[in-house]
Amino acid sequence: MMIKKKVKYPVGWQSFERIRTAGAVYVDKTGFIAQLIDEQRYAFLSRPRRFGKSLLLSTIEAYFQGKKELFEGLEISQYEEKWESYPVFHFDMSCSEANNPDKLEGYLRNQIHDYEEIYNISVGDCRSVGEAFGRLIEKVSISTRKGCVILVDEYDKGIQETIDDKPALELNQQLLRPFFSQLKSQDKYIKFAMVTGVARFKHYTLFSGANNLEDISFMKDYSAICGVTVDELKEYFSEGIASLAEDYEDTEDNIINRLLQKYDGYRFSRADVHVCNPFSLLRAFTNNALGEYWVTSGTSKVFIDFLKRANYDFSKINGIWASEKRLSSLYDDNDPVPLLYQTGYLTIEKYNRDLEVYLLKIPNGEVRGALFEDLAPMYLGISSTDGAQKARQLRSCLIRCDLEGFVKTLDSLIAKVPYPIFEKDSKENAYHLIVYCLCLAVGVDNRCEEPMADGRPDLVAFTDKYIYIIEFKLDQSAESALKQIDENNYARPYFADGRAIYRIGASFSSESRNINRWLIQPPSGNPYEILATPNPKM
């Protein structure tokens, strides 16, 4: 029996050379690299974690090392003829213990010392890491008679991990400021430099001496330099799509749609270019399962720390318009939008050219699930594990059109909400938070308060066979909720869809702190009601 050769999906691989020599799947981004090197000498790129920034820098490193054989058949090979080798200094800050200034300094000094040995030079005794780095660039450039290439990955780790420790933060900034200033002061010895990270750099004083960096994060020409587009998904992952279709007993077209619903939706510029999270896609194909991979790879520490101390109403993050300046800013407890965008919990949905602002949204089903698991312990009083289980039950009920099961599960979820949540601010705000958490929990393909010409329904949930339009009313009747759906024509945009449309009105009681009555209008027939189970806390 002939054993079929298994496709290698490089989950977590950050070495371009390893991927190419191992014959693993590589989505060709070298055309962007050729353009980048031709247009920019100093570049900065911000993208969320697990988005391929490290692989991008590794690919650039191999290019500048002249490793022509690794690029055979790739787009950049059509443009490059010389394949010269240059000295490359690659600093990966994620390898350092950046929460400790002494250890961060030790990491940088050790890296500089390693390069001293590689190029057989000595920087001598230097008072600061910045001075040692500057001498390294100068001496190696003079010794090799070539410009140096500087690559710095996850530059902001030393900032992010000390942002709540002001003394350590200041020490890290004092350490890094002269380090990055060498990117400008040693300009005549530098061929190319690129810095990547999650946070935007413009407002950090540590870059005050490196103002020659060009931020390409919002440039439309580099919208897809990281991530996987729909066309790339179909081109490079056809075998994985076919394998998923076989296991899920579904068509390949449906599998593609499910992959896009779960992992796609990221947009980083005015250009209408969307990309999937590459880490999640590779995990899905490796495991042959449409799992939740982004959140299990490690939630952003900065985001979790923010949740613990902030008093922010997360039900307000839908439909936010933000300028590029705001999205590039440092976040604070009163405005977490820059943090949510930079860490990947929010992304661009559309661009208003007249006002020069971006409409933001949660990218996809996977991120909705991750956000729900982060918020559930705080706002629903349940663990992430219990919340994830309830979310799966809610999705299963909607897929099967088991609306009584949906109501029962939702009742049990809301019944666990701690009483202080209702007293912390107001019952109105608590109600909105619960509805918002429901929007996240449903997660099939839902839009919470989706803008429409005649208003905003609280929740529109989509499955393969059904569309559910749900309106909640606080201390009003379920009939009034159903009436609002009809009077505002919330179902009209979906009449040509072909799926069965269910209109659902729900009455939320501030006294019982639960939904006490549901009124359901099926596609045909008369409305019927489902009464909620009394809240056991009452």
Protein backbone atom coordinates (compact mmCIF):
# COMPACT_ATOMS: atom_id res chain seq x y z
CA MET A 1 0.00 0.00 0.00
CA MET A 2 1.35 3.42 -0.96
CA ILE A 3 1.36 5.94 1.88
CA LYS A 4 0.22 9.39 0.81
CA LYS A 5 2.76 12.09 1.57
CA LYS A 6 1.44 14.32 4.32
CA VAL A 7 1.36 18.08 3.81
CA LYS A 8 3.59 19.97 6.26
CA TYR A 9 1.91 22.95 7.85
CA PRO A 10 4.52 25.08 9.68
CA VAL A 11 2.55 25.89 12.83
CA GLY A 12 4.64 28.20 14.97
CA TRP A 13 7.65 27.99 12.63
CA GLN A 14 9.36 31.36 12.45
CA SER A 15 12.33 30.38 10.29
CA PHE A 16 11.93 30.93 6.56
CA GLU A 17 14.93 28.67 5.88
CA ARG A 18 13.44 25.83 7.90
CA ILE A 19 10.11 26.08 6.08
CA ARG A 20 11.73 26.08 2.64
CA THR A 21 14.22 23.27 3.30
CA ALA A 22 11.54 21.11 4.95
CA GLY A 23 9.16 21.51 2.03
CA ALA A 24 6.42 22.96 4.23
CA VAL A 25 3.62 25.18 2.95
CA TYR A 26 4.82 28.75 2.41
CA VAL A 27 2.46 31.51 1.33
CA ASP A 28 4.59 33.60 -1.02
CA LYS A 29 4.91 37.13 0.40
CA THR A 30 8.23 37.86 -1.29
CA GLY A 31 6.65 40.23 -3.82
CA PHE A 32 5.75 42.53 -0.94
CA ILE A 33 9.31 42.22 0.37
CA ALA A 34 10.78 43.22 -3.01
CA GLN A 35 8.52 46.26 -3.09
CA LEU A 36 9.29 47.14 0.53
CA ILE A 37 13.05 46.99 0.07
CA ASP A 38 12.81 49.03 -3.13
CA GLU A 39 10.62 51.76 -1.58
CA GLN A 40 11.74 51.97 2.05
CA ARG A 41 15.09 51.98 3.83
CA TYR A 42 13.58 52.23 7.29
CA ALA A 43 10.24 50.54 7.93
CA PHE A 44 7.96 49.87 10.88
CA LEU A 45 5.07 47.38 10.86
CA SER A 46 2.43 46.84 13.52
CA ARG A 47 0.29 43.69 13.48
CA PRO A 48 -1.45 41.58 16.17
CA ARG A 49 0.33 38.65 17.73
CA ARG A 50 0.53 35.36 15.82
CA PHE A 51 0.28 37.17 12.50
CA GLY A 52 3.56 36.22 10.85
CA LYS A 53 5.73 39.22 11.72
CA SER A 54 8.63 36.99 12.83
CA LEU A 55 8.47 34.90 9.66
CA LEU A 56 8.45 38.09 7.60
CA LEU A 57 11.68 39.29 9.22
CA SER A 58 13.24 35.84 8.87
CA THR A 59 12.46 35.93 5.14
CA ILE A 60 14.01 39.40 4.81
CA GLU A 61 17.06 38.13 6.69
CA ALA A 62 17.51 35.19 4.29
CA TYR A 63 17.16 37.58 1.33
CA PHE A 64 19.87 39.91 2.57
CA GLN A 65 22.11 36.94 3.35
CA GLY A 66 21.95 36.14 -0.36
CA LYS A 67 20.40 32.68 0.07
CA LYS A 68 19.18 32.47 -3.50
CA GLU A 69 18.37 28.75 -3.36
CA LEU A 70 15.66 29.34 -0.73
CA PHE A 71 13.78 31.70 -3.04
CA GLU A 72 13.66 29.49 -6.10
CA GLY A 73 10.19 29.69 -7.66
CA LEU A 74 9.09 32.59 -5.46
CA GLU A 75 8.02 35.97 -6.80
CA ILE A 76 11.11 37.88 -5.67
CA SER A 77 13.32 35.64 -7.83
CA GLN A 78 11.82 37.36 -10.89
CA TYR A 79 13.28 40.71 -9.84
CA GLU A 80 16.56 39.91 -8.13
CA GLU A 81 19.70 39.11 -10.12
CA LYS A 82 22.73 39.92 -7.90
CA TRP A 83 21.78 38.13 -4.64
CA GLU A 84 24.45 39.93 -2.63
CA SER A 85 25.12 39.08 1.00
CA TYR A 86 25.03 41.79 3.67
CA PRO A 87 25.75 41.71 7.42
CA VAL A 88 22.42 41.21 9.22
CA PHE A 89 21.73 41.99 12.89
CA HIS A 90 18.49 40.34 13.98
CA PHE A 91 17.17 41.10 17.48
CA ASP A 92 14.11 39.14 18.64
CA MET A 93 12.87 40.87 21.79
CA SER A 94 10.37 38.07 22.47
CA CYS A 95 13.36 35.93 23.52
CA SER A 96 14.20 38.33 26.36
CA GLU A 97 12.82 38.64 29.89
CA ALA A 98 11.66 42.12 29.08
CA ASN A 99 9.82 42.68 32.37
CA ASN A 100 13.25 42.89 34.04
CA PRO A 101 15.38 45.82 32.77
CA ASP A 102 18.64 44.15 33.82
CA LYS A 103 17.80 40.96 31.93
CA LEU A 104 16.65 42.90 28.89
CA GLU A 105 19.98 44.75 28.86
CA GLY A 106 21.79 41.43 29.31
CA TYR A 107 19.97 39.97 26.30
CA LEU A 108 20.95 42.89 24.07
CA ARG A 109 24.58 42.87 25.21
CA ASN A 110 24.81 39.10 24.62
CA GLN A 111 23.40 39.52 21.12
CA ILE A 112 25.93 42.26 20.35
CA HIS A 113 28.74 40.09 21.73
CA ASP A 114 27.65 37.19 19.49
CA TYR A 115 27.84 39.44 16.44
CA GLU A 116 31.29 40.64 17.54
CA GLU A 117 32.49 37.05 17.35
CA ILE A 118 30.75 36.34 14.04
CA TYR A 119 32.39 39.33 12.35
CA ASN A 120 35.64 39.16 14.33
CA ILE A 121 35.50 42.71 15.64
CA SER A 122 35.38 44.32 19.11
CA VAL A 123 33.23 47.24 20.21
CA GLY A 124 35.36 47.77 23.33
CA ASP A 125 34.03 48.99 26.66
CA CYS A 126 30.77 50.88 26.22
CA ARG A 127 28.71 52.61 28.88
CA SER A 128 25.37 51.82 27.23
CA VAL A 129 23.82 49.22 24.98
CA GLY A 130 23.11 51.99 22.49
CA GLU A 131 26.78 52.94 22.28
CA ALA A 132 27.81 49.29 21.84
CA PHE A 133 25.20 48.80 19.11
CA GLY A 134 26.34 51.91 17.27
CA ARG A 135 29.97 50.78 17.31
CA LEU A 136 28.92 47.32 16.10
CA ILE A 137 27.13 48.78 13.08
CA GLU A 138 30.01 51.09 12.21
CA LYS A 139 32.83 48.56 12.64
CA VAL A 140 31.08 45.71 10.80
CA SER A 141 30.12 48.00 7.92
CA ILE A 142 33.68 49.26 7.55
CA SER A 143 35.09 45.74 7.90
CA THR A 144 32.78 44.18 5.29
CA ARG A 145 32.54 47.32 3.14
CA LYS A 146 28.79 46.89 3.03
CA GLY A 147 25.79 48.48 4.67
CA CYS A 148 24.29 46.62 7.63
CA VAL A 149 20.74 45.28 7.82
CA ILE A 150 18.95 45.82 11.16
CA LEU A 151 15.88 43.72 12.02
CA VAL A 152 14.11 44.13 15.38
CA ASP A 153 11.18 41.84 16.16
CA GLU A 154 8.60 42.47 18.94
CA TYR A 155 10.34 45.74 19.82
CA ASP A 156 7.58 46.65 22.30
CA LYS A 157 7.83 43.66 24.62
CA GLY A 158 9.90 45.68 27.07
CA ILE A 159 7.19 48.35 27.08
CA GLN A 160 4.12 46.14 27.18
CA GLU A 161 5.36 43.97 30.02
CA THR A 162 6.25 46.92 32.25
CA ILE A 163 3.47 49.35 31.37
CA ASP A 164 1.98 48.98 34.88
CA ASP A 165 5.38 49.10 36.57
CA LYS A 166 6.43 52.72 36.12
CA PRO A 167 10.00 52.42 37.50
CA ALA A 168 10.75 49.37 35.30
CA LEU A 169 9.07 51.04 32.32
CA GLU A 170 11.26 54.12 32.68
CA LEU A 171 14.41 51.98 32.97
CA ASN A 172 13.47 50.03 29.83
CA GLN A 173 12.84 53.26 27.95
CA GLN A 174 16.20 54.65 29.09
CA LEU A 175 17.80 51.44 27.84
CA LEU A 176 16.03 51.25 24.48
CA ARG A 177 16.01 54.93 23.52
CA PRO A 178 19.75 55.13 22.71
CA PHE A 179 19.56 51.65 21.15
CA PHE A 180 16.97 52.71 18.58
CA SER A 181 18.59 56.12 18.04
CA GLN A 182 21.41 54.26 16.26
CA LEU A 183 19.01 53.64 13.35
CA LYS A 184 19.40 57.32 12.53
CA SER A 185 22.84 58.26 13.85
CA GLN A 186 24.50 55.36 11.98
CA ASP A 187 22.56 55.98 8.78
CA LYS A 188 25.60 55.95 6.47
CA TYR A 189 26.44 52.41 7.62
CA ILE A 190 22.90 50.99 7.27
CA LYS A 191 21.53 49.31 4.13
CA PHE A 192 18.02 48.55 5.45
CA ALA A 193 16.22 48.46 8.81
CA MET A 194 12.84 47.15 9.90
CA VAL A 195 11.10 47.08 13.27
CA THR A 196 7.93 45.13 14.10
CA GLY A 197 5.63 44.94 17.09
CA VAL A 198 2.03 44.94 18.28
CA ALA A 199 1.84 48.50 19.62
CA ARG A 200 2.23 51.50 17.36
CA PHE A 201 5.51 53.33 17.87
CA LYS A 202 4.75 56.96 17.11
CA HIS A 203 3.93 57.99 20.65
CA TYR A 204 6.78 56.23 22.40
CA THR A 205 9.64 58.55 23.30
CA LEU A 206 12.09 55.68 22.87
CA PHE A 207 11.82 56.33 19.10
CA SER A 208 12.54 60.04 19.44
CA GLY A 209 16.01 59.47 18.01
CA ALA A 210 14.78 57.22 15.20
CA ASN A 211 12.21 59.42 13.50
CA ASN A 212 13.34 58.18 10.09
CA LEU A 213 11.26 54.99 10.48
CA GLU A 214 8.38 54.92 7.99
CA ASP A 215 5.21 53.40 9.43
CA ILE A 216 3.76 51.09 6.76
CA SER A 217 1.07 49.63 9.05
CA PHE A 218 -1.83 51.50 7.36
CA MET A 219 -0.38 51.64 3.85
CA LYS A 220 -2.70 49.94 1.37
CA ASP A 221 0.21 48.54 -0.65
CA TYR A 222 1.16 46.40 2.36
CA SER A 223 -2.35 45.42 3.49
CA ALA A 224 -1.66 41.73 2.92
CA ILE A 225 2.06 41.56 3.77
CA CYS A 226 1.03 39.42 6.77
CA GLY A 227 -1.99 37.12 6.91
CA VAL A 228 -3.69 34.97 4.26
CA THR A 229 -6.08 36.37 1.65
CA VAL A 230 -9.00 34.41 0.21
CA ASP A 231 -7.10 33.83 -3.04
CA GLU A 232 -4.05 32.61 -1.11
CA LEU A 233 -6.25 30.32 0.96
CA LYS A 234 -7.56 28.64 -2.19
CA GLU A 235 -4.14 28.51 -3.89
CA TYR A 236 -1.93 27.18 -1.08
CA PHE A 237 -4.32 25.15 1.05
CA SER A 238 -6.41 23.20 -1.46
CA GLU A 239 -5.38 19.85 0.05
CA GLY A 240 -6.22 20.99 3.56
CA ILE A 241 -9.61 22.28 2.40
CA ALA A 242 -10.35 18.96 0.70
CA SER A 243 -9.35 17.05 3.84
CA LEU A 244 -11.61 19.17 6.03
CA ALA A 245 -14.48 18.74 3.57
CA GLU A 246 -14.07 14.96 3.74
CA ASP A 247 -13.99 14.86 7.55
CA TYR A 248 -16.88 17.29 7.96
CA GLU A 249 -18.86 15.63 5.15
CA ASP A 250 -19.33 19.01 3.51
CA THR A 251 -18.49 20.70 0.22
CA GLU A 252 -15.19 22.48 -0.27
CA ASP A 253 -17.00 25.75 -0.94
CA ASN A 254 -18.81 25.47 2.38
CA ILE A 255 -15.56 24.66 4.17
CA ILE A 256 -13.95 27.77 2.67
CA ASN A 257 -16.89 29.85 3.90
CA ARG A 258 -16.63 28.33 7.38
CA LEU A 259 -12.88 29.03 7.47
CA LEU A 260 -13.52 32.63 6.48
CA GLN A 261 -16.28 33.09 9.07
CA LYS A 262 -14.02 31.75 11.79
CA TYR A 263 -10.57 33.14 10.92
CA ASP A 264 -10.94 35.88 8.28
CA GLY A 265 -12.06 39.49 8.56
CA TYR A 266 -8.85 41.35 9.43
CA ARG A 267 -8.31 44.57 7.54
CA PHE A 268 -5.45 47.00 8.10
CA SER A 269 -5.87 49.85 5.63
CA ARG A 270 -8.26 51.87 3.49
CA ALA A 271 -7.98 49.20 0.80
CA ASP A 272 -10.75 46.61 0.97
CA VAL A 273 -8.28 43.77 1.54
CA HIS A 274 -9.15 41.13 4.14
CA VAL A 275 -6.83 38.48 5.55
CA CYS A 276 -7.15 35.43 7.77
CA ASN A 277 -5.14 34.83 10.91
CA PRO A 278 -2.33 32.58 9.57
CA PHE A 279 -1.68 30.83 12.91
CA SER A 280 -5.30 29.73 13.26
CA LEU A 281 -5.49 28.55 9.65
CA LEU A 282 -2.35 26.43 9.99
CA ARG A 283 -3.68 24.93 13.22
CA ALA A 284 -7.00 24.12 11.58
CA PHE A 285 -5.30 22.31 8.70
CA THR A 286 -2.80 20.53 10.97
CA ASN A 287 -5.52 19.27 13.31
CA ASN A 288 -8.09 18.89 10.53
CA ALA A 289 -10.56 20.65 12.81
CA LEU A 290 -12.15 24.10 12.94
CA GLY A 291 -11.07 24.83 16.50
CA GLU A 292 -10.48 27.88 18.67
CA TYR A 293 -6.74 28.39 18.28
CA TRP A 294 -6.05 32.11 18.64
CA VAL A 295 -7.17 32.36 22.28
CA THR A 296 -5.47 29.12 23.33
CA SER A 297 -2.16 30.39 21.93
CA GLY A 298 -2.01 32.93 24.74
CA THR A 299 -4.20 35.95 25.39
CA SER A 300 -2.48 39.32 25.36
CA LYS A 301 -1.18 40.03 28.87
CA VAL A 302 -1.76 43.75 28.36
CA PHE A 303 -5.41 43.14 27.49
CA ILE A 304 -6.02 40.90 30.53
CA ASP A 305 -4.33 43.41 32.84
CA PHE A 306 -6.56 46.10 31.38
CA LEU A 307 -9.70 44.03 32.02
CA LYS A 308 -8.76 43.57 35.65
CA ARG A 309 -8.59 47.26 36.46
CA ALA A 310 -10.72 49.09 33.91
CA ASN A 311 -14.35 50.09 34.30
CA TYR A 312 -15.20 50.06 30.61
CA ASP A 313 -18.57 49.20 29.08
CA PHE A 314 -17.59 46.70 26.40
CA SER A 315 -21.11 46.72 24.98
CA LYS A 316 -20.15 50.05 23.36
CA ILE A 317 -17.34 48.76 21.16
CA ASN A 318 -19.65 47.86 18.27
CA GLY A 319 -19.90 50.52 15.60
CA ILE A 320 -16.97 52.62 16.80
CA TRP A 321 -15.54 55.12 14.33
CA ALA A 322 -11.88 55.94 14.92
CA SER A 323 -9.23 57.97 13.16
CA GLU A 324 -5.83 56.61 12.23
CA LYS A 325 -4.33 58.87 14.90
CA ARG A 326 -6.55 57.31 17.57
CA LEU A 327 -5.75 53.77 16.46
CA SER A 328 -2.05 54.66 16.57
CA SER A 329 -2.22 56.15 20.05
CA LEU A 330 -1.25 54.77 23.41
CA TYR A 331 -4.30 53.35 25.13
CA ASP A 332 -5.54 54.32 28.59
CA ASP A 333 -8.22 53.02 30.93
CA ASN A 334 -10.79 55.44 29.51
CA ASP A 335 -10.11 54.55 25.89
CA PRO A 336 -9.09 50.93 25.25
CA VAL A 337 -9.89 51.16 21.52
CA PRO A 338 -6.21 51.49 20.45
CA LEU A 339 -5.39 48.44 22.59
CA LEU A 340 -8.29 46.41 21.19
CA TYR A 341 -7.25 47.28 17.64
CA GLN A 342 -3.52 46.71 18.08
CA THR A 343 -4.00 43.35 19.83
CA GLY A 344 -6.47 42.07 17.21
CA TYR A 345 -9.77 42.14 19.10
CA LEU A 346 -11.02 44.84 16.75
CA THR A 347 -10.23 45.47 13.10
CA ILE A 348 -11.30 47.77 10.28
CA GLU A 349 -14.67 47.13 8.63
CA LYS A 350 -14.91 50.15 6.34
CA TYR A 351 -13.33 53.54 5.68
CA ASN A 352 -15.13 56.88 5.41
CA ARG A 353 -13.11 58.95 2.92
CA ASP A 354 -14.94 62.19 3.68
CA LEU A 355 -14.30 62.09 7.42
CA GLU A 356 -11.08 60.05 7.19
CA VAL A 357 -12.17 57.63 9.90
CA TYR A 358 -12.47 53.85 10.15
CA LEU A 359 -15.48 51.83 11.32
CA LEU A 360 -14.29 49.02 13.57
CA LYS A 361 -15.67 45.54 14.18
CA ILE A 362 -14.73 42.26 15.84
CA PRO A 363 -12.92 40.37 13.04
CA ASN A 364 -14.45 36.90 13.14
CA GLY A 365 -16.07 34.10 15.10
CA GLU A 366 -12.85 32.97 16.72
CA VAL A 367 -12.12 36.41 18.17
CA ARG A 368 -15.74 36.78 19.33
CA GLY A 369 -15.32 33.52 21.23
CA ALA A 370 -12.00 34.65 22.68
CA LEU A 371 -13.47 37.97 23.79
CA PHE A 372 -16.46 36.20 25.37
CA GLU A 373 -14.17 33.90 27.34
CA ASP A 374 -12.25 36.93 28.59
CA LEU A 375 -15.37 38.88 29.56
CA ALA A 376 -17.53 36.04 30.92
CA PRO A 377 -15.78 35.80 34.32
CA MET A 378 -16.06 39.56 34.84
CA TYR A 379 -19.56 40.29 33.63
CA LEU A 380 -21.41 36.98 33.88
CA GLY A 381 -19.78 35.59 37.00
CA ILE A 382 -18.84 32.29 35.36
CA SER A 383 -15.53 30.74 34.48
CA SER A 384 -14.14 30.82 30.96
CA THR A 385 -14.64 27.04 30.78
CA ASP A 386 -18.32 27.24 31.78
CA GLY A 387 -18.82 30.19 29.48
CA ALA A 388 -17.30 28.32 26.54
CA GLN A 389 -19.57 25.35 27.25
CA LYS A 390 -22.67 27.54 27.38
CA ALA A 391 -21.62 29.28 24.17
CA ARG A 392 -21.30 25.92 22.39
CA GLN A 393 -24.75 24.92 23.63
CA LEU A 394 -26.27 28.18 22.38
CA ARG A 395 -24.68 27.76 18.95
CA SER A 396 -25.79 24.15 18.75
CA CYS A 397 -29.38 25.10 19.57
CA LEU A 398 -29.47 27.77 16.85
CA ILE A 399 -27.94 25.44 14.27
CA ARG A 400 -30.65 22.87 15.05
CA CYS A 401 -33.37 25.51 15.43
CA ASP A 402 -34.01 24.25 18.97
CA LEU A 403 -35.31 27.54 20.31
CA GLU A 404 -36.64 26.09 23.56
CA GLY A 405 -33.17 24.70 24.24
CA PHE A 406 -31.69 28.07 23.29
CA VAL A 407 -33.95 29.87 25.79
CA LYS A 408 -33.26 27.34 28.54
CA THR A 409 -29.49 27.60 28.07
CA LEU A 410 -29.59 31.39 27.97
CA ASP A 411 -31.72 31.50 31.13
CA SER A 412 -29.18 29.38 32.98
CA LEU A 413 -26.38 31.63 31.72
CA ILE A 414 -27.99 34.90 32.80
CA ALA A 415 -29.12 33.42 36.13
CA LYS A 416 -25.47 33.22 37.18
CA VAL A 417 -24.85 36.94 36.73
CA PRO A 418 -23.78 38.29 40.16
CA TYR A 419 -26.10 40.82 41.76
CA PRO A 420 -23.30 43.45 42.16
CA ILE A 421 -23.06 43.64 38.35
CA PHE A 422 -26.53 45.21 38.36
CA GLU A 423 -25.68 47.62 41.15
CA LYS A 424 -22.20 48.65 39.96
CA ASP A 425 -23.49 51.24 37.53
CA SER A 426 -27.11 50.89 36.48
CA LYS A 427 -29.56 48.19 35.53
CA GLU A 428 -29.65 49.62 32.01
CA ASN A 429 -25.89 49.22 31.59
CA ALA A 430 -25.95 45.75 33.12
CA TYR A 431 -28.68 44.77 30.68
CA HIS A 432 -26.61 46.02 27.72
CA LEU A 433 -23.55 44.13 28.97
CA ILE A 434 -25.53 40.91 29.21
CA VAL A 435 -26.97 41.36 25.72
CA TYR A 436 -23.49 42.09 24.41
CA CYS A 437 -22.05 38.97 26.05
CA LEU A 438 -24.89 37.04 24.42
CA CYS A 439 -23.85 38.43 21.04
CA LEU A 440 -20.33 37.14 21.66
CA ALA A 441 -21.49 33.80 23.01
CA VAL A 442 -23.77 32.98 20.06
CA GLY A 443 -20.79 33.36 17.76
CA VAL A 444 -22.17 31.38 14.80
CA ASP A 445 -21.98 34.41 12.53
CA ASN A 446 -23.69 37.16 14.40
CA ARG A 447 -23.84 40.92 14.25
CA CYS A 448 -24.72 42.72 17.44
CA GLU A 449 -26.61 45.96 16.76
CA GLU A 450 -25.84 45.79 13.05
CA PRO A 451 -26.48 49.22 11.46
CA MET A 452 -29.47 49.34 9.10
CA ALA A 453 -31.36 52.11 7.36
CA ASP A 454 -34.31 51.85 9.77
CA GLY A 455 -32.45 51.19 13.02
CA ARG A 456 -30.38 48.50 14.71
CA PRO A 457 -31.63 45.09 15.79
CA ASP A 458 -29.95 43.90 18.97
CA LEU A 459 -28.75 40.65 17.41
CA VAL A 460 -28.78 38.99 14.01
CA ALA A 461 -27.48 35.41 14.07
CA PHE A 462 -26.80 33.33 10.96
CA THR A 463 -26.51 29.59 10.47
CA ASP A 464 -26.43 27.53 7.28
CA LYS A 465 -30.23 27.17 7.29
CA TYR A 466 -31.61 29.91 9.52
CA ILE A 467 -31.44 33.64 10.23
CA TYR A 468 -32.51 34.82 13.68
CA ILE A 469 -33.38 38.47 14.29
CA ILE A 470 -33.59 39.09 18.04
CA GLU A 471 -34.72 42.26 19.80
CA PHE A 472 -34.53 42.69 23.58
CA LYS A 473 -36.65 45.11 25.62
CA LEU A 474 -35.89 46.17 29.18
CA ASP A 475 -39.03 46.20 31.35
CA GLN A 476 -41.21 46.19 28.25
CA SER A 477 -43.25 43.46 26.61
CA ALA A 478 -41.98 40.85 24.20
CA GLU A 479 -44.76 42.01 21.86
CA SER A 480 -43.19 45.48 21.67
CA ALA A 481 -39.84 43.92 20.78
CA LEU A 482 -41.40 41.86 17.99
CA LYS A 483 -43.33 44.90 16.79
CA GLN A 484 -40.10 46.90 16.52
CA ILE A 485 -38.57 44.20 14.30
CA ASP A 486 -41.55 44.41 11.95
CA GLU A 487 -42.02 48.17 11.96
CA ASN A 488 -38.34 48.83 11.27
CA ASN A 489 -38.16 46.13 8.59
CA TYR A 490 -35.14 44.44 10.17
CA ALA A 491 -35.82 41.30 8.11
CA ARG A 492 -36.01 43.07 4.75
CA PRO A 493 -32.25 42.81 3.88
CA TYR A 494 -32.50 39.02 4.14
CA PHE A 495 -35.67 38.27 2.14
CA ALA A 496 -33.67 37.18 -0.92
CA ASP A 497 -31.25 35.10 1.14
CA GLY A 498 -33.19 31.84 0.95
CA ARG A 499 -32.73 30.88 4.58
CA ALA A 500 -35.67 30.65 6.99
CA ILE A 501 -36.04 33.87 9.00
CA TYR A 502 -37.14 33.77 12.65
CA ARG A 503 -38.13 37.00 14.39
CA ILE A 504 -37.71 36.83 18.16
CA GLY A 505 -38.77 39.38 20.79
CA ALA A 506 -37.56 39.08 24.38
CA SER A 507 -38.61 40.90 27.53
CA PHE A 508 -35.80 41.50 30.03
CA SER A 509 -36.92 42.22 33.60
CA SER A 510 -34.74 44.44 35.80
CA GLU A 511 -36.61 43.07 38.82
CA SER A 512 -35.91 39.38 38.16
CA ARG A 513 -32.61 40.18 36.43
CA ASN A 514 -33.46 37.77 33.62
CA ILE A 515 -35.49 37.42 30.44
CA ASN A 516 -38.97 36.43 31.57
CA ARG A 517 -40.72 35.94 28.22
CA TRP A 518 -39.84 35.17 24.61
CA LEU A 519 -42.17 35.69 21.65
CA ILE A 520 -41.13 33.84 18.50
CA GLN A 521 -42.45 34.49 15.00
CA PRO A 522 -41.54 31.55 12.71
CA PRO A 523 -41.31 31.94 8.90
CA SER A 524 -44.91 30.77 8.65
CA GLY A 525 -47.66 30.42 11.22
CA ASN A 526 -48.57 32.39 14.32
CA PRO A 527 -46.20 33.67 17.00
CA TYR A 528 -45.71 31.45 20.03
CA GLU A 529 -44.25 32.21 23.42
CA ILE A 530 -41.67 30.58 25.64
CA LEU A 531 -41.69 31.49 29.31
CA ALA A 532 -38.36 31.71 31.09
CA THR A 533 -37.49 29.74 34.20
CA PRO A 534 -37.70 31.95 37.31
CA ASN A 535 -34.35 33.22 38.51
CA PRO A 536 -33.39 31.00 41.48
CA LYS A 537 -31.65 33.96 43.13
CA MET A 538 -34.97 35.75 43.60
